Amino acid sequence: MPLATRRSVLLLGYWLCFVWFALDRGRVPGYWSRHDVVPYPVVDVAVVCIVMGIFAAILGLVLRPPAGWRLWSRIALRTIYVLLLMLLVLTGLSSDLRGIDYVPSHFGLATLLVLIILSIWLGVTRLIRHLRPGATIT
């Protein structure tokens, strides 16, 4: 399987995990005295899934931008994306919200953690690749 196809499948799987989470969290009505009168938020779940799909597609651009892009455009895209993810995380810092209202926050936090882990991994592998066989890190 080519690398681009593998990356697309991984991003699709990442998004589908959060779609499943959104479908599940849609059942939690938040702070209501009677849970049986609160309908399932079909439209809200659909909107959250679409927004997460857009963010997952942009994540594909962040991880592998087109080769023709200049350095400043890559840095700008990554900076704006991280700021938007932080904004998503801030949306879930209230209590007594409906379950679906916390899903974008979880998506933003998980994506930020993935980006941090990938950045550390790429930095360490590049450092190891550029070191000579007998060199030590001081």
C-alpha atoms as a PDB file:
ATOM      1  CA  MET A   1       0.000   0.000   0.000  1.00  0.00           C
ATOM      2  CA  PRO A   2       1.478   3.396  -0.954  1.00  0.00           C
ATOM      3  CA  LEU A   3       2.378   5.793   1.827  1.00  0.00           C
ATOM      4  CA  ALA A   4      -0.196   8.425   0.780  1.00  0.00           C
ATOM      5  CA  THR A   5      -2.987   5.838   0.828  1.00  0.00           C
ATOM      6  CA  ARG A   6      -1.845   4.544   4.208  1.00  0.00           C
ATOM      7  CA  ARG A   7      -1.841   8.094   5.598  1.00  0.00           C
ATOM      8  CA  SER A   8      -5.357   8.699   4.254  1.00  0.00           C
ATOM      9  CA  VAL A   9      -6.617   5.481   5.804  1.00  0.00           C
ATOM     10  CA  LEU A  10      -5.076   6.423   9.158  1.00  0.00           C
ATOM     11  CA  LEU A  11      -6.662   9.877   9.079  1.00  0.00           C
ATOM     12  CA  LEU A  12     -10.020   8.362   8.124  1.00  0.00           C
ATOM     13  CA  GLY A  13      -9.728   5.861  10.975  1.00  0.00           C
ATOM     14  CA  TYR A  14      -8.800   8.653  13.393  1.00  0.00           C
ATOM     15  CA  TRP A  15     -11.871  10.620  12.308  1.00  0.00           C
ATOM     16  CA  LEU A  16     -14.146   7.551  12.498  1.00  0.00           C
ATOM     17  CA  CYS A  17     -13.047   6.926  16.096  1.00  0.00           C
ATOM     18  CA  PHE A  18     -14.284  10.380  17.021  1.00  0.00           C
ATOM     19  CA  VAL A  19     -17.484   9.933  14.975  1.00  0.00           C
ATOM     20  CA  TRP A  20     -18.212   6.854  17.065  1.00  0.00           C
ATOM     21  CA  PHE A  21     -17.414   8.865  20.211  1.00  0.00           C
ATOM     22  CA  ALA A  22     -19.762  11.666  19.064  1.00  0.00           C
ATOM     23  CA  LEU A  23     -22.578   9.209  18.379  1.00  0.00           C
ATOM     24  CA  ASP A  24     -22.129   7.782  21.859  1.00  0.00           C
ATOM     25  CA  ARG A  25     -21.846  11.143  23.624  1.00  0.00           C
ATOM     26  CA  GLY A  26     -24.993  12.376  21.875  1.00  0.00           C
ATOM     27  CA  ARG A  27     -26.968  10.213  24.300  1.00  0.00           C
ATOM     28  CA  VAL A  28     -25.790  12.216  27.326  1.00  0.00           C
ATOM     29  CA  PRO A  29     -28.237  15.113  27.773  1.00  0.00           C
ATOM     30  CA  GLY A  30     -26.234  17.056  30.344  1.00  0.00           C
ATOM     31  CA  TYR A  31     -27.816  18.538  33.435  1.00  0.00           C
ATOM     32  CA  TRP A  32     -31.542  17.883  33.119  1.00  0.00           C
ATOM     33  CA  SER A  33     -33.958  16.781  35.795  1.00  0.00           C
ATOM     34  CA  ARG A  34     -35.720  14.399  33.381  1.00  0.00           C
ATOM     35  CA  HIS A  35     -33.472  12.585  30.923  1.00  0.00           C
ATOM     36  CA  ASP A  36     -36.358  10.856  29.161  1.00  0.00           C
ATOM     37  CA  VAL A  37     -37.759  14.083  27.635  1.00  0.00           C
ATOM     38  CA  VAL A  38     -34.510  15.189  25.961  1.00  0.00           C
ATOM     39  CA  PRO A  39     -34.401  14.099  22.281  1.00  0.00           C
ATOM     40  CA  TYR A  40     -31.261  12.766  20.611  1.00  0.00           C
ATOM     41  CA  PRO A  41     -29.383  15.720  19.007  1.00  0.00           C
ATOM     42  CA  VAL A  42     -29.093  14.373  15.456  1.00  0.00           C
ATOM     43  CA  VAL A  43     -28.250  17.730  13.855  1.00  0.00           C
ATOM     44  CA  ASP A  44     -25.679  18.603  16.531  1.00  0.00           C
ATOM     45  CA  VAL A  45     -23.961  15.236  16.143  1.00  0.00           C
ATOM     46  CA  ALA A  46     -23.866  15.669  12.364  1.00  0.00           C
ATOM     47  CA  VAL A  47     -22.384  19.179  12.665  1.00  0.00           C
ATOM     48  CA  VAL A  48     -19.727  18.000  15.131  1.00  0.00           C
ATOM     49  CA  CYS A  49     -18.801  15.084  12.843  1.00  0.00           C
ATOM     50  CA  ILE A  50     -18.493  17.397   9.828  1.00  0.00           C
ATOM     51  CA  VAL A  51     -16.343  19.882  11.762  1.00  0.00           C
ATOM     52  CA  MET A  52     -14.081  17.066  12.984  1.00  0.00           C
ATOM     53  CA  GLY A  53     -13.856  15.773   9.404  1.00  0.00           C
ATOM     54  CA  ILE A  54     -12.669  19.183   8.243  1.00  0.00           C
ATOM     55  CA  PHE A  55     -10.107  19.317  11.039  1.00  0.00           C
ATOM     56  CA  ALA A  56      -8.928  15.778  10.183  1.00  0.00           C
ATOM     57  CA  ALA A  57      -8.498  16.774   6.519  1.00  0.00           C
ATOM     58  CA  ILE A  58      -6.504  19.840   7.535  1.00  0.00           C
ATOM     59  CA  LEU A  59      -4.427  17.580   9.790  1.00  0.00           C
ATOM     60  CA  GLY A  60      -3.412  15.720   6.639  1.00  0.00           C
ATOM     61  CA  LEU A  61      -2.145  19.010   5.195  1.00  0.00           C
ATOM     62  CA  VAL A  62      -0.352  19.878   8.430  1.00  0.00           C
ATOM     63  CA  LEU A  63       1.426  16.527   8.549  1.00  0.00           C
ATOM     64  CA  ARG A  64       2.360  16.513   4.868  1.00  0.00           C
ATOM     65  CA  PRO A  65       1.978  19.891   3.130  1.00  0.00           C
ATOM     66  CA  PRO A  66       2.370  20.063  -0.656  1.00  0.00           C
ATOM     67  CA  ALA A  67       5.995  20.260  -1.783  1.00  0.00           C
ATOM     68  CA  GLY A  68       5.496  23.566  -3.569  1.00  0.00           C
ATOM     69  CA  TRP A  69       4.525  25.463  -0.417  1.00  0.00           C
ATOM     70  CA  ARG A  70       7.009  27.939   0.982  1.00  0.00           C
ATOM     71  CA  LEU A  71       8.339  27.627   4.521  1.00  0.00           C
ATOM     72  CA  TRP A  72       6.368  30.598   5.823  1.00  0.00           C
ATOM     73  CA  SER A  73       3.080  29.150   4.531  1.00  0.00           C
ATOM     74  CA  ARG A  74       3.791  25.825   6.234  1.00  0.00           C
ATOM     75  CA  ILE A  75       4.577  27.564   9.510  1.00  0.00           C
ATOM     76  CA  ALA A  76       1.465  29.755   9.203  1.00  0.00           C
ATOM     77  CA  LEU A  77      -0.763  26.719   8.545  1.00  0.00           C
ATOM     78  CA  ARG A  78       0.628  24.826  11.512  1.00  0.00           C
ATOM     79  CA  THR A  79       0.361  27.830  13.824  1.00  0.00           C
ATOM     80  CA  ILE A  80      -3.230  28.600  12.855  1.00  0.00           C
ATOM     81  CA  TYR A  81      -4.165  24.913  13.157  1.00  0.00           C
ATOM     82  CA  VAL A  82      -2.696  24.618  16.652  1.00  0.00           C
ATOM     83  CA  LEU A  83      -4.472  27.815  17.736  1.00  0.00           C
ATOM     84  CA  LEU A  84      -7.775  26.475  16.404  1.00  0.00           C
ATOM     85  CA  LEU A  85      -7.212  23.195  18.247  1.00  0.00           C
ATOM     86  CA  MET A  86      -6.595  25.132  21.447  1.00  0.00           C
ATOM     87  CA  LEU A  87      -9.861  26.974  20.855  1.00  0.00           C
ATOM     88  CA  LEU A  88     -11.610  23.612  20.485  1.00  0.00           C
ATOM     89  CA  VAL A  89     -10.109  22.477  23.789  1.00  0.00           C
ATOM     90  CA  LEU A  90     -11.390  25.623  25.506  1.00  0.00           C
ATOM     91  CA  THR A  91     -14.972  24.905  24.402  1.00  0.00           C
ATOM     92  CA  GLY A  92     -15.160  21.926  26.737  1.00  0.00           C
ATOM     93  CA  LEU A  93     -14.013  23.657  29.909  1.00  0.00           C
ATOM     94  CA  SER A  94     -17.543  24.201  31.216  1.00  0.00           C
ATOM     95  CA  SER A  95     -19.540  21.868  33.354  1.00  0.00           C
ATOM     96  CA  ASP A  96     -23.049  20.481  32.884  1.00  0.00           C
ATOM     97  CA  LEU A  97     -22.905  20.620  29.085  1.00  0.00           C
ATOM     98  CA  ARG A  98     -24.466  17.985  26.882  1.00  0.00           C
ATOM     99  CA  GLY A  99     -22.185  15.080  26.030  1.00  0.00           C
ATOM    100  CA  ILE A 100     -21.885  16.100  22.384  1.00  0.00           C
ATOM    101  CA  ASP A 101     -20.535  19.508  23.431  1.00  0.00           C
ATOM    102  CA  TYR A 102     -17.423  17.885  24.910  1.00  0.00           C
ATOM    103  CA  VAL A 103     -16.484  15.909  21.781  1.00  0.00           C
ATOM    104  CA  PRO A 104     -14.731  18.772  19.922  1.00  0.00           C
ATOM    105  CA  SER A 105     -12.699  19.464  23.037  1.00  0.00           C
ATOM    106  CA  HIS A 106     -11.591  15.838  23.263  1.00  0.00           C
ATOM    107  CA  PHE A 107     -10.781  15.828  19.550  1.00  0.00           C
ATOM    108  CA  GLY A 108      -8.686  18.995  19.917  1.00  0.00           C
ATOM    109  CA  LEU A 109      -6.802  17.652  22.924  1.00  0.00           C
ATOM    110  CA  ALA A 110      -6.122  14.280  21.316  1.00  0.00           C
ATOM    111  CA  THR A 111      -4.947  15.930  18.095  1.00  0.00           C
ATOM    112  CA  LEU A 112      -2.641  18.286  20.001  1.00  0.00           C
ATOM    113  CA  LEU A 113      -1.146  15.302  21.835  1.00  0.00           C
ATOM    114  CA  VAL A 114      -0.674  13.438  18.538  1.00  0.00           C
ATOM    115  CA  LEU A 115       1.077  16.475  17.046  1.00  0.00           C
ATOM    116  CA  ILE A 116       3.355  16.824  20.086  1.00  0.00           C
ATOM    117  CA  ILE A 117       4.275  13.130  20.042  1.00  0.00           C
ATOM    118  CA  LEU A 118       4.922  13.175  16.281  1.00  0.00           C
ATOM    119  CA  SER A 119       7.059  16.323  16.590  1.00  0.00           C
ATOM    120  CA  ILE A 120       9.199  14.757  19.309  1.00  0.00           C
ATOM    121  CA  TRP A 121       9.509  11.508  17.356  1.00  0.00           C
ATOM    122  CA  LEU A 122      10.491  13.278  14.141  1.00  0.00           C
ATOM    123  CA  GLY A 123      12.990  15.486  15.974  1.00  0.00           C
ATOM    124  CA  VAL A 124      14.669  12.543  17.680  1.00  0.00           C
ATOM    125  CA  THR A 125      14.831  10.462  14.491  1.00  0.00           C
ATOM    126  CA  ARG A 126      16.329  13.368  12.531  1.00  0.00           C
ATOM    127  CA  LEU A 127      18.865  13.938  15.277  1.00  0.00           C
ATOM    128  CA  ILE A 128      19.865  10.278  15.308  1.00  0.00           C
ATOM    129  CA  ARG A 129      20.059  10.192  11.494  1.00  0.00           C
ATOM    130  CA  HIS A 130      22.416  13.168  11.389  1.00  0.00           C
ATOM    131  CA  LEU A 131      24.724  11.911  14.118  1.00  0.00           C
ATOM    132  CA  ARG A 132      27.762  10.009  13.029  1.00  0.00           C
ATOM    133  CA  PRO A 133      28.074   6.395  14.110  1.00  0.00           C
ATOM    134  CA  GLY A 134      30.587   7.153  16.872  1.00  0.00           C
ATOM    135  CA  ALA A 135      29.274  10.528  18.038  1.00  0.00           C
ATOM    136  CA  THR A 136      27.713  11.080  21.452  1.00  0.00           C
ATOM    137  CA  ILE A 137      25.056  13.556  22.501  1.00  0.00           C
ATOM    138  CA  THR A 138      26.390  16.072  25.025  1.00  0.00           C
END
